[in-house]
Amino acid sequence: MDQTLTQPAPQQTQPQQAVSQSVAVEIYDQIYHLRGIDPAYIEQLARVVDAKMRAVSAHGNTVDSLRVAVLAALNIADELETLRQRYEALAGSLSLSQVTIRSRAGSLAGMLDEILEDRKAG
């Protein structure tokens, strides 16, 4: 199976002309030939999928690899959705904190201006 994978690179800057590389990975005792710009990242993803499939298989009584793959995909999707919800909650909390801090800073700046004006006048 040949597939091309891309990865988001939030902390790294990739060159404009990234070269796709081939990498062979083993997932649930099957070899897959994949292509992407970061073979190490593809291998990491393959390890995650393999581990999830093995965990699903160990907790279930099915040997059907398609069923194991679907259940593993559902587990991974659940983890992703849970993390998205946590991220959105944290982002909302951060936004609220920023508004509160800005409001407090504005109040303090106003109070400081009043004190400085009183000292100039007094």
Protein backbone atom coordinates (compact mmCIF):
# COMPACT_ATOMS: atom_id res chain seq x y z
CA MET A 1 0.00 0.00 0.00
CA ASP A 2 1.56 3.29 -1.08
CA GLN A 3 0.26 6.43 0.59
CA THR A 4 1.57 9.94 0.95
CA LEU A 5 1.36 11.53 4.38
CA THR A 6 1.85 15.14 5.28
CA GLN A 7 2.33 16.47 8.73
CA PRO A 8 1.58 19.82 10.24
CA ALA A 9 4.80 21.49 11.35
CA PRO A 10 3.80 24.06 13.98
CA GLN A 11 7.23 24.32 15.57
CA GLN A 12 9.44 23.61 12.58
CA THR A 13 9.74 25.48 9.35
CA GLN A 14 9.82 23.21 6.36
CA PRO A 15 11.48 24.33 3.15
CA GLN A 16 9.10 25.41 0.38
CA GLN A 17 10.19 22.48 -1.82
CA ALA A 18 9.99 19.59 0.69
CA VAL A 19 11.04 16.29 -0.86
CA SER A 20 8.74 13.34 -0.32
CA GLN A 21 10.58 10.26 0.93
CA SER A 22 9.55 6.63 1.01
CA VAL A 23 9.44 4.70 4.26
CA ALA A 24 8.36 1.14 5.04
CA VAL A 25 6.46 0.69 8.29
CA GLU A 26 4.94 -2.32 9.97
CA ILE A 27 1.46 -2.01 11.42
CA TYR A 28 -0.22 -5.05 12.95
CA ASP A 29 2.16 -7.45 11.19
CA GLN A 30 1.62 -5.85 7.78
CA ILE A 31 4.23 -3.86 5.87
CA TYR A 32 3.08 -0.55 4.36
CA HIS A 33 5.16 1.56 1.99
CA LEU A 34 4.32 5.20 2.67
CA ARG A 35 5.65 8.51 1.40
CA GLY A 36 6.01 11.79 3.22
CA ILE A 37 8.40 14.60 3.98
CA ASP A 38 9.37 13.28 7.43
CA PRO A 39 10.01 9.52 7.65
CA ALA A 40 10.56 9.69 11.42
CA TYR A 41 7.13 11.25 11.88
CA ILE A 42 5.52 8.59 9.69
CA GLU A 43 7.25 5.88 11.73
CA GLN A 44 5.98 7.51 14.93
CA LEU A 45 2.41 7.53 13.60
CA ALA A 46 2.75 3.89 12.54
CA ARG A 47 3.90 2.95 16.06
CA VAL A 48 0.85 4.69 17.54
CA VAL A 49 -1.54 2.90 15.17
CA ASP A 50 0.19 -0.45 15.72
CA ALA A 51 0.05 -0.04 19.52
CA LYS A 52 -3.62 0.96 19.40
CA MET A 53 -4.52 -2.01 17.18
CA ARG A 54 -2.66 -4.40 19.49
CA ALA A 55 -4.40 -2.94 22.55
CA VAL A 56 -7.81 -3.31 20.89
CA SER A 57 -6.96 -6.87 19.86
CA ALA A 58 -5.79 -7.77 23.37
CA HIS A 59 -9.02 -6.48 24.94
CA GLY A 60 -11.33 -8.05 22.39
CA ASN A 61 -11.92 -11.51 21.10
CA THR A 62 -11.70 -10.77 17.38
CA VAL A 63 -8.92 -11.77 15.04
CA ASP A 64 -10.43 -9.92 12.06
CA SER A 65 -7.83 -7.26 11.29
CA LEU A 66 -10.36 -4.99 9.59
CA ARG A 67 -12.55 -4.97 12.69
CA VAL A 68 -9.48 -4.34 14.87
CA ALA A 69 -8.47 -1.46 12.58
CA VAL A 70 -11.94 0.12 12.73
CA LEU A 71 -12.07 -0.16 16.52
CA ALA A 72 -8.56 1.28 16.80
CA ALA A 73 -9.56 4.14 14.49
CA LEU A 74 -12.59 4.85 16.68
CA ASN A 75 -10.36 4.90 19.77
CA ILE A 76 -7.92 7.29 18.09
CA ALA A 77 -10.81 9.50 16.89
CA ASP A 78 -12.18 9.58 20.45
CA GLU A 79 -8.79 10.66 21.80
CA LEU A 80 -8.54 13.35 19.13
CA GLU A 81 -12.03 14.70 19.85
CA THR A 82 -11.37 14.74 23.60
CA LEU A 83 -8.15 16.69 23.04
CA ARG A 84 -9.92 19.12 20.69
CA GLN A 85 -12.56 19.80 23.33
CA ARG A 86 -9.88 20.34 26.00
CA TYR A 87 -7.99 22.66 23.64
CA GLU A 88 -11.12 24.70 22.91
CA ALA A 89 -11.90 24.95 26.62
CA LEU A 90 -8.35 26.07 27.40
CA ALA A 91 -8.31 28.54 24.51
CA GLY A 92 -11.61 30.02 25.74
CA SER A 93 -10.28 30.22 29.27
CA LEU A 94 -7.10 31.91 28.06
CA SER A 95 -9.12 34.40 26.02
CA LEU A 96 -11.26 35.22 29.05
CA SER A 97 -8.12 35.62 31.19
CA GLN A 98 -6.62 38.00 28.63
CA VAL A 99 -9.78 40.13 28.63
CA THR A 100 -9.77 40.19 32.43
CA ILE A 101 -6.09 41.15 32.55
CA ARG A 102 -6.57 43.91 29.97
CA SER A 103 -9.54 45.25 31.89
CA ARG A 104 -7.62 45.18 35.17
CA ALA A 105 -4.60 46.82 33.53
CA GLY A 106 -6.86 49.57 32.18
CA SER A 107 -8.34 50.15 35.63
CA LEU A 108 -4.91 50.27 37.24
CA ALA A 109 -3.63 52.66 34.57
CA GLY A 110 -6.60 54.94 35.25
CA MET A 111 -5.97 54.84 38.99
CA LEU A 112 -2.27 55.59 38.44
CA ASP A 113 -3.13 58.54 36.22
CA GLU A 114 -5.42 59.94 38.94
CA ILE A 115 -2.71 59.60 41.59
CA LEU A 116 -0.12 61.27 39.37
CA GLU A 117 -2.49 64.14 38.57
CA ASP A 118 -3.22 64.59 42.28
CA ARG A 119 0.52 64.76 43.03
CA LYS A 120 1.08 67.33 40.29
CA ALA A 121 -1.79 69.44 41.57
CA GLY A 122 -0.81 69.02 45.23
